[in-house]
């Protein structure tokens, strides 16, 4: 059984993936809570993650992915992790990272400071050393930086994964999970110029599998982690995937890269991940975005919004009530449920949201609210389905 845990951090993001074989992955780290403020309902992420690692008798993650360098995805990283580039940032119970995942922008971005600078220095150190890192980009878009640093060789290029490829290292055969990179991606303009779209944020699909103990049937569960991409990038992802499915005549085999049983929403339920127009009471998504949510969603799927409580009034910053209103309409269409991290299990006392993935698919674990044993809500099995 695999587990995905999304933490109540307000408008900030951290997700832990626990694989059935014991490997642990972390997507982003944002320790934004204020322990001195008793009214702060956000979780103490450092304490929560440290306890889990202690219980597992380990002091490292197999993979830590930083989707981009915004504060709400990296806050407190300098104090929590062991960084190989600086002896000052090692020891004292710091958590080690076996493999670091970053978009190419982390390497090339200028004028970084604070946690962002620490992560950038670590990424550059590992990349130059040629180990312990995976960079996501079209290799051609990194040419200048590689040449400037005199590391433009095949060995270093093998550390770069382009959109449309599986991420090396974790496989269905060995780990019962694989990761497919959707973005950052590059496309060509009318004059043939290579354009790197949204190079500062990751978007990946994880495909988990589990075998039924009696029948041997393989059940696949697909999860999108779309971090902070906007509607334009989602439009591209859908169009590019559909184009290649048609061009390569792979049909549904390629379109499966758009299927999802769990959608970890981008950008804290912002309307900008649906459309340029917020709308008065509901955000109407772009056609491509609509297809992603209404055509490619599997029945009984789950949407996770890593965000503050959904407001009842209009707000400038996310979450936006209009975007939430759209996501809630999906329940009637595909029995998709929309869950907000700061509202689970209650707004008064949010706790980590745990999804369990097994041969039946994905289930949302009900948190223990009043001291009673936790129970699970099970999805309705799809007859004959191996997805």
Protein backbone atom coordinates (compact mmCIF):
# COMPACT_ATOMS: atom_id res chain seq x y z
CA UNK A 1 0.00 0.00 0.00
CA UNK A 2 1.21 3.49 -0.90
CA UNK A 3 0.34 6.69 0.95
CA UNK A 4 0.11 10.34 -0.04
CA UNK A 5 -0.06 12.92 2.74
CA UNK A 6 -0.98 16.57 2.15
CA UNK A 7 -0.36 18.88 5.09
CA UNK A 8 -2.51 21.78 6.37
CA UNK A 9 -0.20 24.72 5.73
CA UNK A 10 -2.59 27.43 4.58
CA UNK A 11 -1.57 28.76 1.19
CA UNK A 12 1.62 26.72 1.16
CA UNK A 13 2.53 23.29 -0.14
CA UNK A 14 4.18 20.10 1.08
CA UNK A 15 3.25 16.57 0.07
CA UNK A 16 4.84 13.34 1.31
CA UNK A 17 4.70 10.13 -0.69
CA UNK A 18 5.30 6.86 1.17
CA UNK A 19 5.81 3.96 -1.20
CA UNK A 20 4.87 0.41 -0.30
CA UNK A 21 8.54 -0.61 -0.50
CA UNK A 22 9.51 1.90 2.19
CA UNK A 23 10.89 4.67 0.01
CA UNK A 24 9.90 8.22 0.93
CA UNK A 25 9.51 11.22 -1.37
CA UNK A 26 8.75 14.83 -0.54
CA UNK A 27 7.31 17.36 -2.96
CA UNK A 28 8.16 20.83 -1.65
CA UNK A 29 8.81 21.89 1.92
CA UNK A 30 7.15 24.95 3.45
CA UNK A 31 7.30 25.22 7.23
CA UNK A 32 5.15 28.34 7.50
CA UNK A 33 3.43 27.88 10.86
CA UNK A 34 4.07 30.15 13.83
CA UNK A 35 4.38 27.98 16.98
CA UNK A 36 4.20 31.10 19.17
CA UNK A 37 0.76 31.93 17.80
CA UNK A 38 -1.79 29.64 19.46
CA UNK A 39 -4.42 30.74 16.94
CA UNK A 40 -2.33 29.46 14.02
CA UNK A 41 -3.98 26.24 12.84
CA UNK A 42 -1.23 25.37 10.36
CA UNK A 43 0.78 22.30 11.24
CA UNK A 44 4.34 22.40 12.57
CA UNK A 45 5.84 20.75 9.51
CA UNK A 46 9.33 20.30 10.93
CA UNK A 47 7.95 18.45 13.95
CA UNK A 48 5.54 16.35 11.88
CA UNK A 49 8.09 15.23 9.29
CA UNK A 50 10.81 14.63 11.88
CA UNK A 51 8.54 12.35 13.92
CA UNK A 52 7.62 10.34 10.84
CA UNK A 53 11.29 9.86 9.93
CA UNK A 54 12.19 8.91 13.50
CA UNK A 55 9.39 6.34 13.56
CA UNK A 56 10.73 4.94 10.28
CA UNK A 57 14.27 4.89 11.72
CA UNK A 58 15.73 6.91 8.90
CA UNK A 59 17.25 10.36 8.45
CA UNK A 60 16.77 10.93 4.73
CA UNK A 61 14.34 11.12 1.83
CA UNK A 62 14.92 9.13 -1.32
CA UNK A 63 13.69 12.09 -3.37
CA UNK A 64 12.99 15.72 -2.50
CA UNK A 65 11.44 17.78 -5.29
CA UNK A 66 11.33 21.55 -5.17
CA UNK A 67 8.73 22.48 -7.77
CA UNK A 68 9.94 26.10 -7.92
CA UNK A 69 11.51 28.71 -5.66
CA UNK A 70 8.48 30.61 -4.35
CA UNK A 71 8.49 30.98 -0.56
CA UNK A 72 5.25 29.03 -0.11
CA UNK A 73 7.03 25.93 -1.45
CA UNK A 74 10.49 26.25 0.18
CA UNK A 75 10.08 28.16 3.47
CA UNK A 76 12.40 26.87 6.20
CA UNK A 77 14.32 24.48 3.95
CA UNK A 78 17.68 25.92 4.98
CA UNK A 79 17.09 24.87 8.61
CA UNK A 80 15.61 21.43 7.90
CA UNK A 81 17.77 19.73 5.27
CA UNK A 82 21.38 18.59 5.09
CA UNK A 83 23.08 20.42 2.20
CA UNK A 84 26.18 18.93 0.64
CA UNK A 85 27.53 22.24 -0.67
CA UNK A 86 28.10 23.75 2.79
CA UNK A 87 29.52 22.19 5.97
CA UNK A 88 27.64 24.87 7.92
CA UNK A 89 24.38 23.30 6.76
CA UNK A 90 25.16 19.73 7.78
CA UNK A 91 24.76 17.54 10.86
CA UNK A 92 22.63 18.33 13.94
CA UNK A 93 19.80 16.05 12.86
CA UNK A 94 19.42 17.64 9.44
CA UNK A 95 17.57 15.49 6.92
CA UNK A 96 19.56 14.19 3.96
CA UNK A 97 18.38 14.13 0.36
CA UNK A 98 19.39 11.16 -1.79
CA UNK A 99 18.17 12.73 -5.05
CA UNK A 100 17.12 16.34 -5.57
CA UNK A 101 14.55 17.17 -8.27
CA UNK A 102 14.38 20.73 -9.61
CA UNK A 103 13.26 22.58 -12.74
CA UNK A 104 16.04 24.15 -14.79
CA UNK A 105 15.08 27.62 -13.57
CA UNK A 106 16.57 26.73 -10.18
CA UNK A 107 19.98 26.48 -11.85
CA UNK A 108 19.79 29.62 -13.97
CA UNK A 109 17.65 32.03 -11.96
CA UNK A 110 19.43 35.22 -10.89
CA UNK A 111 19.37 37.21 -7.65
CA UNK A 112 18.14 34.40 -5.42
CA UNK A 113 18.24 34.92 -1.65
CA UNK A 114 17.39 33.08 1.56
CA UNK A 115 16.04 29.55 1.17
CA UNK A 116 15.95 29.97 -2.62
CA UNK A 117 19.68 30.73 -2.72
CA UNK A 118 20.44 27.72 -0.50
CA UNK A 119 18.51 25.38 -2.79
CA UNK A 120 20.08 26.92 -5.89
CA UNK A 121 23.60 26.51 -4.48
CA UNK A 122 22.83 22.88 -3.64
CA UNK A 123 21.39 22.17 -7.08
CA UNK A 124 24.37 23.73 -8.82
CA UNK A 125 26.80 21.84 -6.57
CA UNK A 126 25.14 18.49 -7.25
CA UNK A 127 24.79 19.10 -10.98
CA UNK A 128 28.44 20.06 -11.36
CA UNK A 129 29.41 16.98 -9.32
CA UNK A 130 27.27 14.91 -11.67
CA UNK A 131 25.25 13.03 -9.06
CA UNK A 132 22.32 13.21 -6.67
CA UNK A 133 20.17 15.44 -8.86
CA UNK A 134 17.59 15.39 -11.63
CA UNK A 135 16.92 18.60 -13.60
CA UNK A 136 13.78 19.12 -15.67
CA UNK A 137 13.97 21.06 -18.92
CA UNK A 138 14.52 20.75 -22.62
CA UNK A 139 18.32 20.29 -22.71
CA UNK A 140 18.68 22.90 -25.46
CA UNK A 141 17.29 25.63 -23.21
CA UNK A 142 20.16 25.06 -20.77
CA UNK A 143 22.89 25.34 -23.39
CA UNK A 144 24.13 28.78 -22.38
CA UNK A 145 24.35 27.95 -18.67
CA UNK A 146 26.07 24.64 -19.40
CA UNK A 147 28.58 26.30 -21.71
CA UNK A 148 29.23 29.15 -19.29
CA UNK A 149 30.02 26.61 -16.57
CA UNK A 150 32.06 24.38 -18.91
CA UNK A 151 29.99 21.29 -18.12
CA UNK A 152 28.30 20.77 -21.47
CA UNK A 153 29.05 17.06 -21.81
CA UNK A 154 26.97 13.93 -22.27
CA UNK A 155 27.39 12.79 -18.66
CA UNK A 156 25.80 15.97 -17.34
CA UNK A 157 23.11 16.02 -20.02
CA UNK A 158 21.98 12.62 -18.78
CA UNK A 159 20.92 14.36 -15.57
CA UNK A 160 18.33 16.37 -17.54
CA UNK A 161 14.84 15.04 -18.26
CA UNK A 162 12.59 16.68 -20.84
CA UNK A 163 8.81 16.95 -20.76
CA UNK A 164 7.08 13.94 -22.27
CA UNK A 165 9.54 11.52 -20.69
CA UNK A 166 9.50 9.21 -17.69
CA UNK A 167 11.70 10.37 -14.84
CA UNK A 168 14.53 7.85 -14.37
CA UNK A 169 15.03 6.04 -11.09
CA UNK A 170 11.58 4.99 -9.93
CA UNK A 171 9.81 2.34 -12.01
CA UNK A 172 6.62 0.32 -12.00
CA UNK A 173 8.68 -2.87 -12.10
CA UNK A 174 10.86 -2.06 -9.08
CA UNK A 175 8.82 0.43 -7.05
CA UNK A 176 5.22 0.09 -8.29
CA UNK A 177 5.29 3.76 -9.26
CA UNK A 178 6.54 5.86 -12.15
CA UNK A 179 6.65 9.61 -12.73
CA UNK A 180 5.90 11.25 -16.07
CA UNK A 181 7.05 14.83 -16.65
CA UNK A 182 4.43 17.18 -18.10
CA UNK A 183 6.20 20.48 -17.53
CA UNK A 184 8.41 22.51 -17.78
CA UNK A 185 8.08 21.96 -21.49
CA UNK A 186 9.34 23.64 -24.61
CA UNK A 187 7.56 24.29 -27.88
CA UNK A 188 8.47 25.94 -31.14
CA UNK A 189 7.15 29.27 -32.38
CA UNK A 190 6.10 29.85 -35.98
CA UNK A 191 9.68 30.75 -36.95
CA UNK A 192 11.07 27.60 -35.34
CA UNK A 193 12.44 29.27 -32.20
CA UNK A 194 12.47 27.03 -29.14
CA UNK A 195 10.35 28.57 -26.42
CA UNK A 196 10.60 27.31 -22.83
CA UNK A 197 7.16 27.58 -21.25
CA UNK A 198 6.82 28.08 -17.50
CA UNK A 199 10.30 26.79 -16.73
CA UNK A 200 9.93 27.72 -13.07
CA UNK A 201 7.42 25.05 -11.96
CA UNK A 202 7.07 21.28 -12.15
CA UNK A 203 4.01 19.38 -13.28
CA UNK A 204 4.19 15.58 -13.06
CA UNK A 205 1.89 12.58 -13.18
CA UNK A 206 2.59 9.73 -10.78
CA UNK A 207 1.19 6.32 -11.72
CA UNK A 208 0.95 3.86 -8.84
CA UNK A 209 0.09 0.19 -9.22
CA UNK A 210 -0.95 -2.59 -6.87
CA UNK A 211 -1.82 -6.22 -7.59
CA UNK A 212 -5.03 -7.80 -6.30
CA UNK A 213 -3.96 -10.56 -3.85
CA UNK A 214 -6.56 -13.02 -5.14
CA UNK A 215 -7.06 -12.30 -8.84
CA UNK A 216 -3.64 -10.89 -9.69
CA UNK A 217 -5.29 -8.01 -11.56
CA UNK A 218 -3.14 -4.87 -11.63
CA UNK A 219 -4.86 -1.70 -10.47
CA UNK A 220 -3.33 1.62 -11.54
CA UNK A 221 -3.98 4.90 -9.74
CA UNK A 222 -2.89 8.16 -11.35
CA UNK A 223 -2.07 11.36 -9.51
CA UNK A 224 -1.31 14.79 -10.99
CA UNK A 225 0.95 17.14 -9.03
CA UNK A 226 0.53 20.47 -10.81
CA UNK A 227 2.19 22.77 -8.22
CA UNK A 228 1.86 26.40 -9.40
CA UNK A 229 1.20 26.24 -13.15
CA UNK A 230 -1.46 28.49 -14.67
CA UNK A 231 -4.23 27.80 -17.19
CA UNK A 232 -2.01 28.57 -20.20
CA UNK A 233 0.44 25.85 -19.22
CA UNK A 234 -2.39 23.39 -18.57
CA UNK A 235 -3.80 24.24 -22.01
CA UNK A 236 -0.41 23.36 -23.49
CA UNK A 237 -0.15 20.11 -21.53
CA UNK A 238 -3.55 18.94 -22.75
CA UNK A 239 -2.98 20.03 -26.36
CA UNK A 240 0.52 18.55 -26.57
CA UNK A 241 -0.53 15.23 -25.04
CA UNK A 242 -3.59 14.93 -27.28
CA UNK A 243 -1.50 15.86 -30.33
CA UNK A 244 1.09 13.17 -29.65
CA UNK A 245 -1.62 10.61 -28.91
CA UNK A 246 -3.06 11.27 -32.37
CA UNK A 247 0.26 11.65 -34.20
CA UNK A 248 1.79 8.52 -32.74
CA UNK A 249 -1.52 6.67 -33.04
CA UNK A 250 -1.13 5.50 -29.49
CA UNK A 251 -4.70 6.46 -28.66
CA UNK A 252 -5.71 5.88 -25.06
CA UNK A 253 -2.29 4.50 -24.16
CA UNK A 254 -0.85 8.00 -24.55
CA UNK A 255 -3.96 9.81 -23.33
CA UNK A 256 -3.55 7.96 -20.04
CA UNK A 257 -0.96 10.62 -19.24
CA UNK A 258 -3.92 12.97 -18.77
CA UNK A 259 -6.06 10.57 -16.73
CA UNK A 260 -6.26 11.17 -13.02
CA UNK A 261 -7.72 9.65 -9.86
CA UNK A 262 -6.20 12.38 -7.69
CA UNK A 263 -5.58 15.97 -8.73
CA UNK A 264 -3.28 17.98 -6.48
CA UNK A 265 -4.46 21.37 -7.64
CA UNK A 266 -2.11 24.10 -8.81
CA UNK A 267 -1.75 27.37 -6.96
CA UNK A 268 -4.12 26.97 -4.00
CA UNK A 269 -7.43 27.05 -5.93
CA UNK A 270 -6.58 30.19 -7.86
CA UNK A 271 -8.92 31.05 -10.72
CA UNK A 272 -5.81 31.64 -12.87
CA UNK A 273 -5.26 27.90 -13.04
CA UNK A 274 -8.62 27.63 -14.79
CA UNK A 275 -8.95 30.76 -16.90
CA UNK A 276 -7.92 34.38 -17.30
CA UNK A 277 -11.44 35.45 -16.25
CA UNK A 278 -12.41 34.88 -12.62
CA UNK A 279 -16.14 35.15 -13.27
CA UNK A 280 -18.78 36.59 -10.95
CA UNK A 281 -19.79 33.43 -9.08
CA UNK A 282 -17.98 30.64 -10.91
CA UNK A 283 -14.85 30.46 -13.04
CA UNK A 284 -15.52 28.98 -16.47
CA UNK A 285 -12.37 27.05 -17.43
CA UNK A 286 -10.57 27.13 -20.76
CA UNK A 287 -11.73 24.34 -23.07
CA UNK A 288 -8.49 22.41 -22.59
CA UNK A 289 -8.66 22.77 -18.81
CA UNK A 290 -12.29 21.68 -18.90
CA UNK A 291 -11.33 18.52 -20.78
CA UNK A 292 -8.67 17.74 -18.19
CA UNK A 293 -11.19 17.97 -15.35
CA UNK A 294 -14.28 16.57 -17.04
CA UNK A 295 -13.04 14.14 -19.70
CA UNK A 296 -9.89 12.73 -18.15
CA UNK A 297 -11.04 12.51 -14.53
CA UNK A 298 -11.78 8.95 -13.46
CA UNK A 299 -14.94 8.19 -11.49
CA UNK A 300 -14.77 8.73 -7.73
CA UNK A 301 -11.65 10.86 -8.00
CA UNK A 302 -10.31 13.29 -5.40
CA UNK A 303 -9.19 16.90 -5.79
CA UNK A 304 -6.77 18.28 -3.19
CA UNK A 305 -6.52 22.02 -2.68
CA UNK A 306 -3.50 22.96 -0.56
CA UNK A 307 -4.98 26.22 0.60
CA UNK A 308 -6.63 28.30 3.24
CA UNK A 309 -10.33 27.82 3.97
CA UNK A 310 -12.43 28.74 0.93
CA UNK A 311 -13.79 32.27 1.47
CA UNK A 312 -17.39 33.30 1.04
CA UNK A 313 -16.45 36.74 -0.27
CA UNK A 314 -14.33 37.93 -3.19
CA UNK A 315 -10.58 37.94 -2.54
CA UNK A 316 -7.52 39.10 -4.41
CA UNK A 317 -5.29 36.24 -3.30
CA UNK A 318 -6.26 32.57 -3.61
CA UNK A 319 -8.18 30.55 -2.78
CA UNK A 320 -10.91 32.08 -4.92
CA UNK A 321 -14.52 31.12 -4.23
CA UNK A 322 -15.26 31.20 -7.97
CA UNK A 323 -12.62 28.55 -8.71
CA UNK A 324 -13.84 26.41 -5.83
CA UNK A 325 -17.38 26.68 -7.17
CA UNK A 326 -16.26 25.13 -10.46
CA UNK A 327 -14.39 22.28 -8.80
CA UNK A 328 -17.46 21.48 -6.71
CA UNK A 329 -19.58 21.04 -9.87
CA UNK A 330 -17.45 18.03 -10.80
CA UNK A 331 -19.07 15.92 -8.09
CA UNK A 332 -22.32 15.72 -10.04
CA UNK A 333 -20.51 14.85 -13.27
CA UNK A 334 -17.91 12.29 -12.20
CA UNK A 335 -18.45 11.93 -8.44
CA UNK A 336 -15.26 13.91 -7.93
CA UNK A 337 -14.81 15.18 -4.37
CA UNK A 338 -13.07 18.47 -3.61
CA UNK A 339 -11.02 18.60 -0.40
CA UNK A 340 -9.23 21.60 1.13
CA UNK A 341 -6.26 20.95 3.41
CA UNK A 342 -7.21 23.63 5.96
CA UNK A 343 -10.77 22.24 6.15
CA UNK A 344 -9.91 18.57 6.77
CA UNK A 345 -11.34 17.03 8.83
CA UNK A 346 -12.70 20.33 10.19
CA UNK A 347 -11.93 24.02 9.75
CA UNK A 348 -11.48 24.31 13.50
CA UNK A 349 -8.84 21.57 13.74
CA UNK A 350 -7.23 20.69 10.39
CA UNK A 351 -4.97 17.65 10.25
CA UNK A 352 -2.83 15.98 7.58
CA UNK A 353 -4.91 14.56 4.75
CA UNK A 354 -3.89 10.96 4.05
CA UNK A 355 -4.72 9.09 0.86
CA UNK A 356 -4.09 5.35 0.70
CA UNK A 357 -3.51 3.61 -2.61
CA UNK A 358 -3.97 -0.14 -2.96
CA UNK A 359 -5.46 -2.73 -5.33
CA UNK A 360 -8.90 -1.09 -4.93
CA UNK A 361 -7.65 2.35 -5.95
CA UNK A 362 -7.42 5.46 -3.80
CA UNK A 363 -9.15 6.00 -0.47
CA UNK A 364 -9.27 9.03 1.80
CA UNK A 365 -8.47 8.16 5.38
CA UNK A 366 -10.82 9.82 7.84
CA UNK A 367 -8.94 11.65 10.56
CA UNK A 368 -9.55 10.86 14.20
CA UNK A 369 -11.63 13.83 15.33
CA UNK A 370 -12.76 12.85 18.82
CA UNK A 371 -10.44 10.05 19.86
CA UNK A 372 -12.32 7.34 18.01
CA UNK A 373 -10.36 4.97 15.74
CA UNK A 374 -9.86 6.33 12.25
CA UNK A 375 -11.77 4.61 9.46
CA UNK A 376 -11.50 4.67 5.71
CA UNK A 377 -13.90 5.79 3.03
CA UNK A 378 -13.65 3.34 0.16
CA UNK A 379 -14.37 4.22 -3.47
CA UNK A 380 -16.85 2.26 -5.50
CA UNK A 381 -14.78 -0.29 -7.46
CA UNK A 382 -15.10 0.02 -11.24
CA UNK A 383 -16.18 -3.37 -12.49
CA UNK A 384 -13.56 -4.99 -14.68
CA UNK A 385 -11.31 -1.95 -14.56
CA UNK A 386 -7.56 -2.34 -14.32
CA UNK A 387 -6.94 1.42 -14.26
